[in-house]
Protein backbone atom coordinates (compact mmCIF):
# COMPACT_ATOMS: atom_id res chain seq x y z
CA UNK A 1 126.51 138.90 52.53
CA UNK A 2 125.95 136.38 55.33
CA UNK A 3 122.31 135.36 55.91
CA UNK A 4 121.52 134.24 59.45
CA UNK A 5 118.64 133.52 61.75
CA UNK A 6 118.26 135.92 64.67
CA UNK A 7 116.46 135.20 67.94
CA UNK A 8 115.34 137.03 71.01
CA UNK A 9 116.24 135.09 74.18
CA UNK A 10 113.68 135.58 76.98
CA UNK A 11 110.32 133.93 76.33
CA UNK A 12 111.59 132.93 72.90
CA UNK A 13 114.47 130.45 73.10
CA UNK A 14 114.26 130.37 76.91
CA UNK A 15 110.65 129.99 78.09
CA UNK A 16 110.71 132.69 80.80
CA UNK A 17 112.49 135.96 81.56
CA UNK A 18 115.97 134.73 82.53
CA UNK A 19 116.78 137.81 84.62
CA UNK A 20 113.67 137.33 86.75
CA UNK A 21 114.37 133.58 86.99
CA UNK A 22 117.95 134.25 88.12
CA UNK A 23 116.77 136.85 90.66
CA UNK A 24 114.25 134.39 92.14
CA UNK A 25 116.93 131.68 92.20
CA UNK A 26 119.22 134.09 94.09
CA UNK A 27 116.48 135.11 96.56
CA UNK A 28 116.13 131.47 97.65
CA UNK A 29 119.88 131.17 98.23
CA UNK A 30 120.91 134.70 99.24
CA UNK A 31 117.95 136.47 100.91
CA UNK A 32 119.95 139.70 101.15
CA UNK A 33 119.27 140.28 97.44
CA UNK A 34 115.76 141.36 98.46
CA UNK A 35 117.29 144.66 99.61
CA UNK A 36 117.61 145.81 96.00
CA UNK A 37 113.97 145.34 94.99
CA UNK A 38 112.24 148.25 96.74
CA UNK A 39 114.51 150.87 95.15
CA UNK A 40 113.67 149.68 91.63
CA UNK A 41 109.95 149.44 92.41
CA UNK A 42 109.96 152.98 93.79
CA UNK A 43 111.26 154.22 90.42
CA UNK A 44 108.40 152.74 88.36
CA UNK A 45 106.09 155.77 88.59
CA UNK A 46 108.99 157.94 87.41
CA UNK A 47 109.59 155.58 84.49
CA UNK A 48 105.93 155.82 83.45
CA UNK A 49 106.16 159.61 83.70
CA UNK A 50 109.33 159.65 81.56
CA UNK A 51 111.71 160.73 84.34
CA UNK A 52 113.72 157.47 84.32
CA UNK A 53 114.85 155.31 81.43
CA UNK A 54 114.42 151.55 81.30
CA UNK A 55 118.22 151.32 81.52
CA UNK A 56 118.28 153.32 84.79
CA UNK A 57 115.53 151.21 86.39
CA UNK A 58 117.28 148.00 85.41
CA UNK A 59 120.53 149.29 86.89
CA UNK A 60 118.76 149.89 90.19
CA UNK A 61 117.24 146.39 90.05
CA UNK A 62 120.61 144.82 89.17
CA UNK A 63 121.88 146.22 92.46
CA UNK A 64 120.87 142.80 93.84
CA UNK A 65 124.04 141.41 92.27
CA UNK A 66 126.12 143.07 95.01
CA UNK A 67 124.55 140.66 97.51
CA UNK A 68 125.55 137.49 95.65
CA UNK A 69 128.81 136.33 97.29
CA UNK A 70 130.31 134.49 94.29
CA UNK A 71 128.50 135.63 91.16
CA UNK A 72 130.41 133.34 88.81
CA UNK A 73 129.60 130.25 90.87
CA UNK A 74 125.96 131.37 91.16
CA UNK A 75 125.63 131.85 87.39
CA UNK A 76 127.17 128.45 86.67
CA UNK A 77 124.88 126.73 89.17
CA UNK A 78 121.80 128.56 87.88
CA UNK A 79 122.48 127.49 84.29
CA UNK A 80 123.34 123.93 85.30
CA UNK A 81 119.79 123.75 86.68
CA UNK A 82 118.03 125.83 84.03
CA UNK A 83 119.75 125.19 80.69
CA UNK A 84 117.58 122.09 80.07
CA UNK A 85 114.59 124.46 79.87
CA UNK A 86 115.73 125.80 76.47
CA UNK A 87 112.82 125.32 74.08
CA UNK A 88 113.01 122.11 72.06
CA UNK A 89 111.74 123.77 68.88
CA UNK A 90 114.84 125.97 68.96
CA UNK A 91 117.24 123.07 69.59
CA UNK A 92 115.73 121.26 66.58
CA UNK A 93 116.57 124.14 64.21
CA UNK A 94 119.66 125.67 65.86
CA UNK A 95 122.49 126.59 63.52
CA UNK A 96 126.05 127.58 64.51
CA UNK A 97 125.68 130.94 62.74
CA UNK A 98 122.59 131.93 64.79
CA UNK A 99 122.66 135.27 66.60
CA UNK A 100 120.80 135.86 69.87
CA UNK A 101 119.98 139.51 70.61
CA UNK A 102 118.68 140.11 74.12
CA UNK A 103 117.85 142.90 76.52
CA UNK A 104 119.00 140.61 79.33
CA UNK A 105 122.57 141.03 80.57
CA UNK A 106 125.40 139.64 78.50
CA UNK A 107 126.94 138.01 81.60
CA UNK A 108 123.70 136.06 82.15
CA UNK A 109 122.83 135.00 78.60
CA UNK A 110 126.47 134.49 77.60
CA UNK A 111 126.63 131.15 79.40
CA UNK A 112 123.75 129.44 77.57
CA UNK A 113 124.75 131.09 74.27
CA UNK A 114 128.19 129.58 74.74
CA UNK A 115 126.70 126.17 75.49
CA UNK A 116 124.58 126.46 72.34
CA UNK A 117 127.60 127.55 70.32
CA UNK A 118 125.95 130.69 68.92
CA UNK A 119 126.73 134.41 68.84
CA UNK A 120 125.26 136.89 71.31
CA UNK A 121 124.50 140.59 71.51
CA UNK A 122 123.01 141.67 74.83
CA UNK A 123 122.91 144.45 77.42
CA UNK A 124 126.39 145.12 78.74
CA UNK A 125 125.91 145.02 82.51
CA UNK A 126 128.65 144.74 85.13
CA UNK A 127 127.91 141.48 86.95
CA UNK A 128 129.21 142.83 90.26
CA UNK A 129 127.71 146.33 90.37
CA UNK A 130 124.72 146.13 88.02
CA UNK A 131 125.85 149.24 86.13
CA UNK A 132 125.13 149.25 82.41
CA UNK A 133 127.61 150.27 79.73
CA UNK A 134 125.63 152.02 77.01
CA UNK A 135 121.91 151.52 76.52
CA UNK A 136 119.69 148.59 77.40
CA UNK A 137 119.64 146.29 74.33
CA UNK A 138 115.90 146.67 73.66
CA UNK A 139 113.71 147.70 70.71
CA UNK A 140 115.57 149.84 68.15
CA UNK A 141 118.83 149.35 70.08
CA UNK A 142 118.80 145.67 69.09
CA UNK A 143 118.78 146.56 65.38
CA UNK A 144 121.50 149.18 65.92
CA UNK A 145 123.71 146.64 67.74
CA UNK A 146 123.24 144.08 64.97
CA UNK A 147 124.18 146.58 62.26
CA UNK A 148 127.24 147.72 64.24
CA UNK A 149 128.51 144.23 65.10
CA UNK A 150 127.64 142.46 61.84
CA UNK A 151 127.26 145.08 59.08
CA UNK A 152 127.47 142.50 56.28
CA UNK A 153 124.73 140.30 57.72
CA UNK A 154 121.14 139.94 56.53
CA UNK A 155 118.41 138.31 58.60
CA UNK A 156 116.80 135.31 56.93
CA UNK A 157 114.43 134.54 59.83
CA UNK A 158 113.74 136.38 63.07
CA UNK A 159 111.97 135.00 66.16
CA UNK A 160 110.66 136.91 69.21
CA UNK A 161 107.84 136.87 71.72
CA UNK A 162 107.51 140.66 71.70
CA UNK A 163 106.26 143.27 69.24
CA UNK A 164 108.86 145.63 70.74
CA UNK A 165 111.29 143.73 68.50
CA UNK A 166 109.61 145.07 65.35
CA UNK A 167 112.81 146.89 64.25
CA UNK A 168 114.52 143.49 63.85
CA UNK A 169 111.44 141.83 62.37
CA UNK A 170 111.33 144.53 59.68
CA UNK A 171 114.91 143.66 58.68
CA UNK A 172 114.10 139.96 58.26
CA UNK A 173 112.92 138.12 55.18
CA UNK A 174 110.56 136.18 57.45
CA UNK A 175 109.67 136.85 61.08
CA UNK A 176 107.78 134.87 63.69
CA UNK A 177 106.05 135.62 66.97
CA UNK A 178 106.77 132.99 69.61
CA UNK A 179 104.29 131.88 72.26
CA UNK A 180 105.75 128.86 74.03
CA UNK A 181 106.06 126.21 71.32
CA UNK A 182 103.71 128.04 68.94
CA UNK A 183 105.28 130.06 66.13
CA UNK A 184 103.07 132.36 64.08
CA UNK A 185 103.99 134.73 61.25
CA UNK A 186 104.81 138.27 62.36
CA UNK A 187 101.90 140.70 61.93
CA UNK A 188 101.84 142.39 58.55
CA UNK A 189 103.95 145.53 58.37
CA UNK A 190 102.03 148.82 58.12
CA UNK A 191 103.24 149.59 54.60
CA UNK A 192 102.00 146.19 53.40
CA UNK A 193 98.43 146.66 54.63
CA UNK A 194 95.85 147.51 52.00
CA UNK A 195 94.30 150.95 52.33
């Protein structure tokens, strides 16, 4: 069985949410992308009430991609500017068998993952329409994707900024919460707490 280190991407290896950073980058260059924002914002009360899924809201938000004239050129330019922001603590321990698992779109995180020379599992989003194939790669979906793609893999260490990644942390021998450059052990699992 292969033992690997697994990482979240946004606010873990990359210091901010890369989707938001790319959107802001696009707003400065292609102001028409602002047209997509109000529709997604209008859906938030429905999300809180359980009428819309996170996947559906993200699809509405990703509608901004239709207003980017050459998405491939925009992605390349964005990462040329932003790739140097990858956290140094990660670069110091990066291994070629690392796996990044992210809720961000595969088309967005695929570029830096390729530059880092590591494997990637992420939300499958059409970079021209914003439509998602399958579910948003978040929470339990991340663990399901890992098991499906790499069934003979065990997690040696897992790193994330978010407790929503507990399903992956529970599969790891050791897990860490990331806050900038600070890494702290994952909170104790419920079954390990003393009664």
